[in-house]
Amino acid sequence: MQFKQIAGQQALKSKLTAMAASGRVPHAQLVLGQSGAGNLPVALAFAAYLLCKNPLPEDSCGECDACRKMQSFTHPDLHFSFPFPSSSGDTCVDLYPQWRKALQTDPYLSYESWMRLLNAENKQGNIPILECRAIIRNLSMKAYESKYKILLLWLPEFLGKEGNVLLKFLEEPPPDTLFLLVCSQPDKLLSTIVSRTQLLRVPPIDEEELTSYLAQQLEITREEAARFSMMSGGDLIKARELASNSESPYMEPFRQWMLYCYKKNMLLSAKWIEELSGKGREYIKGLLLYGIEIMRAIAVMEHLGERNGLNEHEKEFVTKLGKLMSTKKIFGIFDVLDAAIYEVERNGNVKMIFTDLSFKISKLF
């Protein structure tokens, strides 16, 4: 992975190369940003730059032995840790083949797509205590080929209280040991870990930079790329989804649910909830996130006109639903959907969560 493969983030790339050139690299950095902004690709490219034997002023050389190993993510001095369901293995090493394949396919990896790849959408991933101990064991060894030993810990917010065993090691690591903690939800990360890291913020991708990237990579017109860039809010993952213009798997079930709530038909709503409860938690969370996006689309529809990023079916749905809603109703539904995501993530009872939601949304209508 090289910096040139990352969409935008020019200022951040310059900051990281200058940091490496100075030799003053913090031993623990919290790489904070959304998946679509490129927090994981940035961390991967920075690790490649630090491990490169012949680094250039603006990027790793891409040709040395270390860079070739980084292209397949097999460098022995770069260790990975990431969330996974307990049924998939005891430590991350058990899943390295799938992990490397996922990164080679698309380094803009989201938690949802990673869980789908593991066929574990109905299970919750975490970073267990055995993995924490494996981290300490691996980083206690000497580096094999490079000056640095690097741990790239993706989504440390999934550590839970088990992460406390890493605190001393994180604060006083062996010489030339670096931690890159790639985080998307800092509010869920242990404060004791946050206090031991230096923040490296990955902002949303600049609209112009994302436009250029999309036009080149997707081979679309600059006008189309600019539309998707604007609608995505600097999120490459969302921009690619908009560009694909594919029918969302969430649209029809969400439309049905809103219809039942509007008509206050709790019987049909209950049957809908019964079917939903058999789906995986990641699907359910995706449905709620889709609902939030629909509320946002209703709120900005009149201001954006044709530059709304919706396909034809979604545009028709949003237009009809918007006629039934005031600004107060839109933000009311937005808030209850957002609160429900929090409950689903904490393994709340899906039937109870959505029954409560149905009554609240019916009342708002």
Protein backbone atom coordinates (compact mmCIF):
# COMPACT_ATOMS: atom_id res chain seq x y z
CA MET A 1 0.00 0.00 0.00
CA GLN A 2 1.39 3.39 -1.02
CA PHE A 3 0.25 6.94 -0.37
CA LYS A 4 -0.40 7.44 -4.09
CA GLN A 5 -3.14 4.80 -3.94
CA ILE A 6 -5.12 6.81 -1.36
CA ALA A 7 -7.90 9.15 -2.44
CA GLY A 8 -6.99 12.71 -1.50
CA GLN A 9 -5.59 13.45 1.98
CA GLN A 10 -2.61 15.34 0.52
CA ALA A 11 -1.97 17.42 3.65
CA LEU A 12 -2.05 14.32 5.85
CA LYS A 13 0.33 12.43 3.54
CA SER A 14 2.83 15.30 3.71
CA LYS A 15 2.55 15.40 7.50
CA LEU A 16 3.30 11.68 7.81
CA THR A 17 6.27 11.65 5.44
CA ALA A 18 7.74 14.66 7.24
CA MET A 19 7.21 12.90 10.58
CA ALA A 20 9.05 9.81 9.34
CA ALA A 21 11.88 11.88 7.85
CA SER A 22 12.40 13.67 11.16
CA GLY A 23 12.76 10.38 13.01
CA ARG A 24 10.31 11.58 15.67
CA VAL A 25 7.48 9.10 15.23
CA PRO A 26 5.17 8.78 18.28
CA HIS A 27 5.17 5.22 19.55
CA ALA A 28 1.35 5.10 19.78
CA GLN A 29 -0.95 6.95 17.37
CA LEU A 30 -4.72 6.95 17.23
CA VAL A 31 -5.59 7.15 13.52
CA LEU A 32 -9.10 8.55 13.83
CA GLY A 33 -11.57 8.81 10.95
CA GLN A 34 -14.31 7.03 9.06
CA SER A 35 -13.62 3.99 6.89
CA GLY A 36 -14.69 5.92 3.79
CA ALA A 37 -12.26 8.74 4.61
CA GLY A 38 -9.40 6.25 4.44
CA ASN A 39 -8.19 5.77 8.02
CA LEU A 40 -7.11 2.17 7.32
CA PRO A 41 -5.38 2.89 3.95
CA VAL A 42 -3.57 5.84 5.57
CA ALA A 43 -2.27 3.60 8.37
CA LEU A 44 -1.23 0.89 5.89
CA ALA A 45 0.60 3.37 3.65
CA PHE A 46 2.35 4.95 6.66
CA ALA A 47 3.47 1.52 7.87
CA ALA A 48 4.79 0.75 4.38
CA TYR A 49 6.69 4.05 4.34
CA LEU A 50 8.29 3.35 7.72
CA LEU A 51 9.31 -0.17 6.68
CA CYS A 52 10.52 0.79 3.18
CA LYS A 53 14.30 0.39 2.68
CA ASN A 54 14.54 3.19 0.10
CA PRO A 55 11.80 5.71 0.93
CA LEU A 56 11.27 8.62 -1.45
CA PRO A 57 10.41 12.14 -0.23
CA GLU A 58 6.67 11.64 -0.87
CA ASP A 59 6.11 7.87 -0.80
CA SER A 60 7.58 4.42 -0.30
CA CYS A 61 9.64 3.19 -3.26
CA GLY A 62 7.30 0.30 -4.11
CA GLU A 63 10.20 -1.78 -5.39
CA CYS A 64 12.33 -2.93 -2.45
CA ASP A 65 11.88 -6.26 -0.75
CA ALA A 66 9.93 -4.65 2.13
CA CYS A 67 7.55 -2.90 -0.27
CA ARG A 68 6.89 -6.08 -2.21
CA LYS A 69 5.97 -7.81 1.03
CA MET A 70 3.71 -4.90 1.95
CA GLN A 71 1.86 -5.30 -1.33
CA SER A 72 0.68 -8.69 -0.09
CA PHE A 73 0.60 -7.55 3.57
CA THR A 74 3.03 -10.29 4.58
CA HIS A 75 5.88 -8.21 6.04
CA PRO A 76 7.06 -10.03 9.20
CA ASP A 77 7.46 -6.79 11.18
CA LEU A 78 3.90 -5.62 10.59
CA HIS A 79 1.38 -7.31 12.88
CA PHE A 80 -2.39 -6.99 12.55
CA SER A 81 -5.15 -7.15 15.10
CA PHE A 82 -8.86 -6.72 14.34
CA PRO A 83 -12.32 -7.70 15.61
CA PHE A 84 -13.72 -11.12 14.73
CA PRO A 85 -16.51 -13.39 16.02
CA SER A 86 -15.36 -15.89 18.63
CA SER A 87 -16.44 -18.80 16.42
CA SER A 88 -13.89 -17.86 13.74
CA GLY A 89 -10.73 -18.53 15.78
CA ASP A 90 -8.83 -17.83 18.97
CA THR A 91 -6.53 -15.07 17.67
CA CYS A 92 -6.24 -12.91 14.55
CA VAL A 93 -3.46 -15.07 13.12
CA ASP A 94 -6.12 -17.71 12.42
CA LEU A 95 -7.78 -15.22 10.05
CA TYR A 96 -4.72 -13.68 8.40
CA PRO A 97 -5.43 -15.30 4.98
CA GLN A 98 -8.94 -13.77 4.85
CA TRP A 99 -7.66 -10.46 6.22
CA ARG A 100 -4.90 -10.14 3.63
CA LYS A 101 -7.29 -11.05 0.83
CA ALA A 102 -9.76 -8.42 2.06
CA LEU A 103 -7.07 -5.71 2.10
CA GLN A 104 -5.81 -6.65 -1.35
CA THR A 105 -9.37 -6.54 -2.70
CA ASP A 106 -10.22 -3.18 -1.12
CA PRO A 107 -8.23 -1.43 1.65
CA TYR A 108 -11.25 0.84 2.22
CA LEU A 109 -12.66 -1.89 4.43
CA SER A 110 -15.67 -1.34 6.68
CA TYR A 111 -16.58 -3.42 9.71
CA GLU A 112 -19.80 -4.53 8.00
CA SER A 113 -18.03 -5.74 4.85
CA TRP A 114 -15.43 -7.55 6.99
CA MET A 115 -18.12 -9.41 8.92
CA ARG A 116 -19.88 -10.31 5.66
CA LEU A 117 -16.63 -11.73 4.33
CA LEU A 118 -16.43 -13.93 7.44
CA ASN A 119 -20.09 -14.98 6.96
CA ALA A 120 -20.76 -13.66 10.45
CA GLU A 121 -23.34 -10.91 9.90
CA ASN A 122 -25.52 -12.21 12.73
CA LYS A 123 -22.64 -12.26 15.21
CA GLN A 124 -20.81 -9.51 17.04
CA GLY A 125 -17.07 -9.19 16.52
CA ASN A 126 -14.65 -8.38 19.31
CA ILE A 127 -10.95 -8.45 20.17
CA PRO A 128 -10.69 -11.08 22.93
CA ILE A 129 -8.23 -11.45 25.80
CA LEU A 130 -6.31 -14.20 23.97
CA GLU A 131 -5.64 -11.78 21.13
CA CYS A 132 -4.44 -9.10 23.58
CA ARG A 133 -1.95 -11.55 25.04
CA ALA A 134 -0.84 -12.55 21.53
CA ILE A 135 -0.17 -8.86 20.79
CA ILE A 136 2.13 -8.58 23.80
CA ARG A 137 3.90 -11.83 22.92
CA ASN A 138 4.47 -10.88 19.27
CA LEU A 139 5.73 -7.37 19.99
CA SER A 140 8.07 -8.58 22.73
CA MET A 141 10.20 -10.26 20.07
CA LYS A 142 12.93 -8.50 18.11
CA ALA A 143 12.25 -7.08 14.66
CA TYR A 144 13.05 -9.47 11.82
CA GLU A 145 14.11 -7.17 9.00
CA SER A 146 13.36 -3.54 9.78
CA LYS A 147 14.09 -0.90 12.35
CA TYR A 148 10.47 -0.89 13.55
CA LYS A 149 7.99 -3.47 14.77
CA ILE A 150 4.50 -2.17 14.01
CA LEU A 151 1.11 -3.24 15.29
CA LEU A 152 -1.83 -2.05 13.22
CA LEU A 153 -4.85 -2.49 15.47
CA TRP A 154 -8.00 -1.96 13.41
CA LEU A 155 -11.09 -0.82 15.33
CA PRO A 156 -9.70 -0.80 18.90
CA GLU A 157 -13.19 0.24 20.06
CA PHE A 158 -13.98 -3.49 19.97
CA LEU A 159 -11.44 -4.24 22.69
CA GLY A 160 -13.79 -3.78 25.62
CA LYS A 161 -12.39 -4.06 29.13
CA GLU A 162 -9.94 -6.73 27.91
CA GLY A 163 -7.95 -3.86 26.42
CA ASN A 164 -6.74 -2.92 29.90
CA VAL A 165 -4.11 -5.67 29.71
CA LEU A 166 -2.41 -3.66 26.95
CA LEU A 167 -2.12 -0.43 28.93
CA LYS A 168 1.36 -0.91 30.41
CA PHE A 169 2.68 -2.28 27.13
CA LEU A 170 1.11 0.64 25.25
CA GLU A 171 2.66 3.18 27.62
CA GLU A 172 6.13 1.60 27.80
CA PRO A 173 6.65 -0.56 24.69
CA PRO A 174 9.94 -2.23 23.74
CA PRO A 175 12.35 -0.01 21.73
CA ASP A 176 11.29 0.86 18.16
CA THR A 177 7.81 -0.59 18.63
CA LEU A 178 4.97 1.40 17.09
CA PHE A 179 1.21 1.18 17.58
CA LEU A 180 -1.20 2.39 14.90
CA LEU A 181 -4.72 2.23 16.34
CA VAL A 182 -7.20 2.75 13.50
CA CYS A 183 -10.42 3.95 15.10
CA SER A 184 -13.84 5.04 13.76
CA GLN A 185 -15.85 5.43 17.01
CA PRO A 186 -13.69 7.08 19.69
CA ASP A 187 -16.61 7.35 22.12
CA LYS A 188 -16.58 3.54 22.43
CA LEU A 189 -12.83 3.33 22.99
CA LEU A 190 -11.43 2.96 26.51
CA SER A 191 -10.39 6.39 27.80
CA THR A 192 -7.29 4.81 29.33
CA ILE A 193 -6.17 3.83 25.82
CA VAL A 194 -7.00 7.23 24.31
CA SER A 195 -4.87 8.98 26.96
CA ARG A 196 -1.83 6.90 25.95
CA THR A 197 -1.94 7.77 22.26
CA GLN A 198 -1.30 10.78 20.05
CA LEU A 199 -4.24 11.73 17.85
CA LEU A 200 -3.85 11.63 14.08
CA ARG A 201 -7.13 12.78 12.57
CA VAL A 202 -8.16 11.59 9.09
CA PRO A 203 -10.72 14.15 7.82
CA PRO A 204 -13.37 13.52 5.17
CA ILE A 205 -11.83 13.55 1.70
CA ASP A 206 -11.77 16.97 0.07
CA GLU A 207 -14.60 17.27 -2.45
CA GLU A 208 -12.34 18.24 -5.36
CA GLU A 209 -9.82 15.51 -4.57
CA LEU A 210 -12.56 12.91 -4.31
CA THR A 211 -14.08 14.10 -7.57
CA SER A 212 -10.78 13.63 -9.40
CA TYR A 213 -10.25 10.20 -7.84
CA LEU A 214 -13.75 8.96 -8.76
CA ALA A 215 -13.55 10.25 -12.32
CA GLN A 216 -10.26 8.43 -12.86
CA GLN A 217 -10.92 5.20 -10.96
CA LEU A 218 -14.55 4.66 -12.03
CA GLU A 219 -14.07 6.08 -15.53
CA ILE A 220 -17.07 8.40 -15.27
CA THR A 221 -17.51 12.03 -16.29
CA ARG A 222 -16.25 14.72 -13.97
CA GLU A 223 -19.80 16.05 -13.62
CA GLU A 224 -21.04 12.67 -12.37
CA ALA A 225 -18.02 12.31 -10.08
CA ALA A 226 -18.62 15.79 -8.61
CA ARG A 227 -22.24 14.86 -7.85
CA PHE A 228 -21.31 11.65 -6.05
CA SER A 229 -18.47 13.39 -4.21
CA MET A 230 -20.75 16.13 -2.94
CA MET A 231 -23.48 13.71 -1.83
CA SER A 232 -21.08 11.39 -0.01
CA GLY A 233 -19.69 14.08 2.29
CA GLY A 234 -16.10 13.02 1.61
CA ASP A 235 -16.76 9.31 2.14
CA LEU A 236 -15.32 7.14 -0.67
CA ILE A 237 -17.37 4.08 0.30
CA LYS A 238 -20.63 6.02 0.07
CA ALA A 239 -19.53 7.70 -3.16
CA ARG A 240 -18.89 4.34 -4.82
CA GLU A 241 -22.27 3.08 -3.64
CA LEU A 242 -23.94 6.13 -5.17
CA ALA A 243 -22.01 5.64 -8.40
CA SER A 244 -23.12 2.03 -8.67
CA ASN A 245 -26.73 3.29 -8.47
CA SER A 246 -27.71 -0.17 -7.28
CA GLU A 247 -31.01 -0.79 -5.53
CA SER A 248 -30.48 -0.80 -1.79
CA PRO A 249 -31.53 -4.07 -0.09
CA TYR A 250 -32.97 -1.92 2.69
CA MET A 251 -35.30 0.29 0.65
CA GLU A 252 -38.32 -2.00 0.30
CA PRO A 253 -38.37 -3.30 3.91
CA PHE A 254 -37.90 0.25 5.23
CA ARG A 255 -40.66 1.57 2.95
CA GLN A 256 -43.05 -1.14 4.19
CA TRP A 257 -42.24 -0.40 7.81
CA MET A 258 -42.84 3.34 7.37
CA LEU A 259 -46.19 2.58 5.70
CA TYR A 260 -47.29 0.41 8.64
CA CYS A 261 -46.21 3.08 11.11
CA TYR A 262 -47.98 5.84 9.19
CA LYS A 263 -51.24 3.84 9.05
CA LYS A 264 -50.76 2.80 12.70
CA ASN A 265 -51.17 -0.83 11.67
CA MET A 266 -49.38 -2.47 14.59
CA LEU A 267 -50.49 -5.96 13.55
CA LEU A 268 -48.66 -5.81 10.22
CA SER A 269 -45.81 -4.01 11.92
CA ALA A 270 -45.51 -6.90 14.41
CA LYS A 271 -45.36 -9.43 11.55
CA TRP A 272 -42.69 -7.31 9.86
CA ILE A 273 -40.68 -7.21 13.10
CA GLU A 274 -40.98 -10.99 13.46
CA GLU A 275 -39.40 -11.47 10.03
CA LEU A 276 -36.73 -8.87 10.75
CA SER A 277 -35.70 -10.54 14.01
CA GLY A 278 -34.46 -13.56 12.06
CA LYS A 279 -31.89 -11.46 10.20
CA GLY A 280 -28.34 -10.77 11.38
CA ARG A 281 -27.56 -7.81 13.61
CA GLU A 282 -25.39 -6.20 10.95
CA TYR A 283 -28.33 -6.26 8.51
CA ILE A 284 -30.57 -4.74 11.19
CA LYS A 285 -28.03 -2.03 11.95
CA GLY A 286 -27.71 -1.37 8.21
CA LEU A 287 -31.48 -0.95 7.94
CA LEU A 288 -31.46 1.64 10.73
CA LEU A 289 -28.54 3.50 9.12
CA TYR A 290 -30.41 3.46 5.81
CA GLY A 291 -33.42 4.99 7.57
CA ILE A 292 -31.22 7.78 8.89
CA GLU A 293 -29.94 8.43 5.36
CA ILE A 294 -33.52 8.63 4.08
CA MET A 295 -34.40 11.18 6.78
CA ARG A 296 -31.34 13.21 5.83
CA ALA A 297 -32.34 13.02 2.14
CA ILE A 298 -35.83 14.30 2.96
CA ALA A 299 -34.35 17.20 4.92
CA VAL A 300 -32.09 18.39 2.07
CA MET A 301 -34.13 17.31 -0.98
CA GLU A 302 -35.52 20.73 -1.88
CA HIS A 303 -32.07 22.33 -1.63
CA LEU A 304 -30.23 19.79 -3.81
CA GLY A 305 -32.78 19.06 -6.51
CA GLU A 306 -31.34 16.62 -9.05
CA ARG A 307 -27.99 16.56 -7.20
CA ASN A 308 -29.44 14.34 -4.49
CA GLY A 309 -27.59 11.07 -5.22
CA LEU A 310 -30.76 8.95 -5.08
CA ASN A 311 -31.82 6.38 -7.65
CA GLU A 312 -35.27 6.72 -9.23
CA HIS A 313 -37.09 4.44 -6.77
CA GLU A 314 -35.52 6.14 -3.76
CA LYS A 315 -36.30 9.57 -5.18
CA GLU A 316 -39.97 8.63 -5.55
CA PHE A 317 -40.05 7.19 -2.02
CA VAL A 318 -38.34 10.21 -0.46
CA THR A 319 -40.63 12.63 -2.31
CA LYS A 320 -43.81 10.87 -1.13
CA LEU A 321 -42.60 10.42 2.44
CA GLY A 322 -41.40 14.00 2.60
CA LYS A 323 -44.91 15.30 1.87
CA LEU A 324 -46.10 13.68 5.11
CA MET A 325 -43.40 15.15 7.32
CA SER A 326 -42.46 18.40 8.97
CA THR A 327 -38.93 19.28 10.04
CA LYS A 328 -39.82 18.31 13.61
CA LYS A 329 -41.00 14.86 12.48
CA ILE A 330 -37.90 14.29 10.36
CA PHE A 331 -35.51 14.99 13.21
CA GLY A 332 -37.71 13.11 15.65
CA ILE A 333 -37.49 9.93 13.57
CA PHE A 334 -33.78 10.55 12.99
CA ASP A 335 -33.19 10.64 16.76
CA VAL A 336 -35.14 7.47 17.60
CA LEU A 337 -33.41 5.53 14.79
CA ASP A 338 -30.02 6.70 16.02
CA ALA A 339 -30.85 5.66 19.59
CA ALA A 340 -31.96 2.23 18.33
CA ILE A 341 -28.57 1.64 16.68
CA TYR A 342 -26.93 2.10 20.07
CA GLU A 343 -29.28 -0.52 21.58
CA VAL A 344 -28.74 -3.02 18.74
CA GLU A 345 -24.97 -2.69 19.07
CA ARG A 346 -25.29 -3.64 22.71
CA ASN A 347 -27.20 -6.82 21.87
CA GLY A 348 -30.61 -5.52 22.90
CA ASN A 349 -33.68 -7.58 22.11
CA VAL A 350 -34.53 -6.79 18.47
CA LYS A 351 -38.29 -7.41 18.83
CA MET A 352 -38.53 -5.10 21.85
CA ILE A 353 -36.38 -2.40 20.20
CA PHE A 354 -38.43 -2.33 16.98
CA THR A 355 -41.81 -2.63 18.71
CA ASP A 356 -40.91 0.44 20.77
CA LEU A 357 -39.64 2.16 17.62
CA SER A 358 -42.85 1.44 15.72
CA PHE A 359 -44.99 3.06 18.41
CA LYS A 360 -42.68 6.08 18.62
CA ILE A 361 -42.60 6.60 14.85
CA SER A 362 -46.39 6.16 14.58
CA LYS A 363 -46.82 8.80 17.26
CA LEU A 364 -44.44 11.15 15.40
CA PHE A 365 -46.45 10.68 12.18
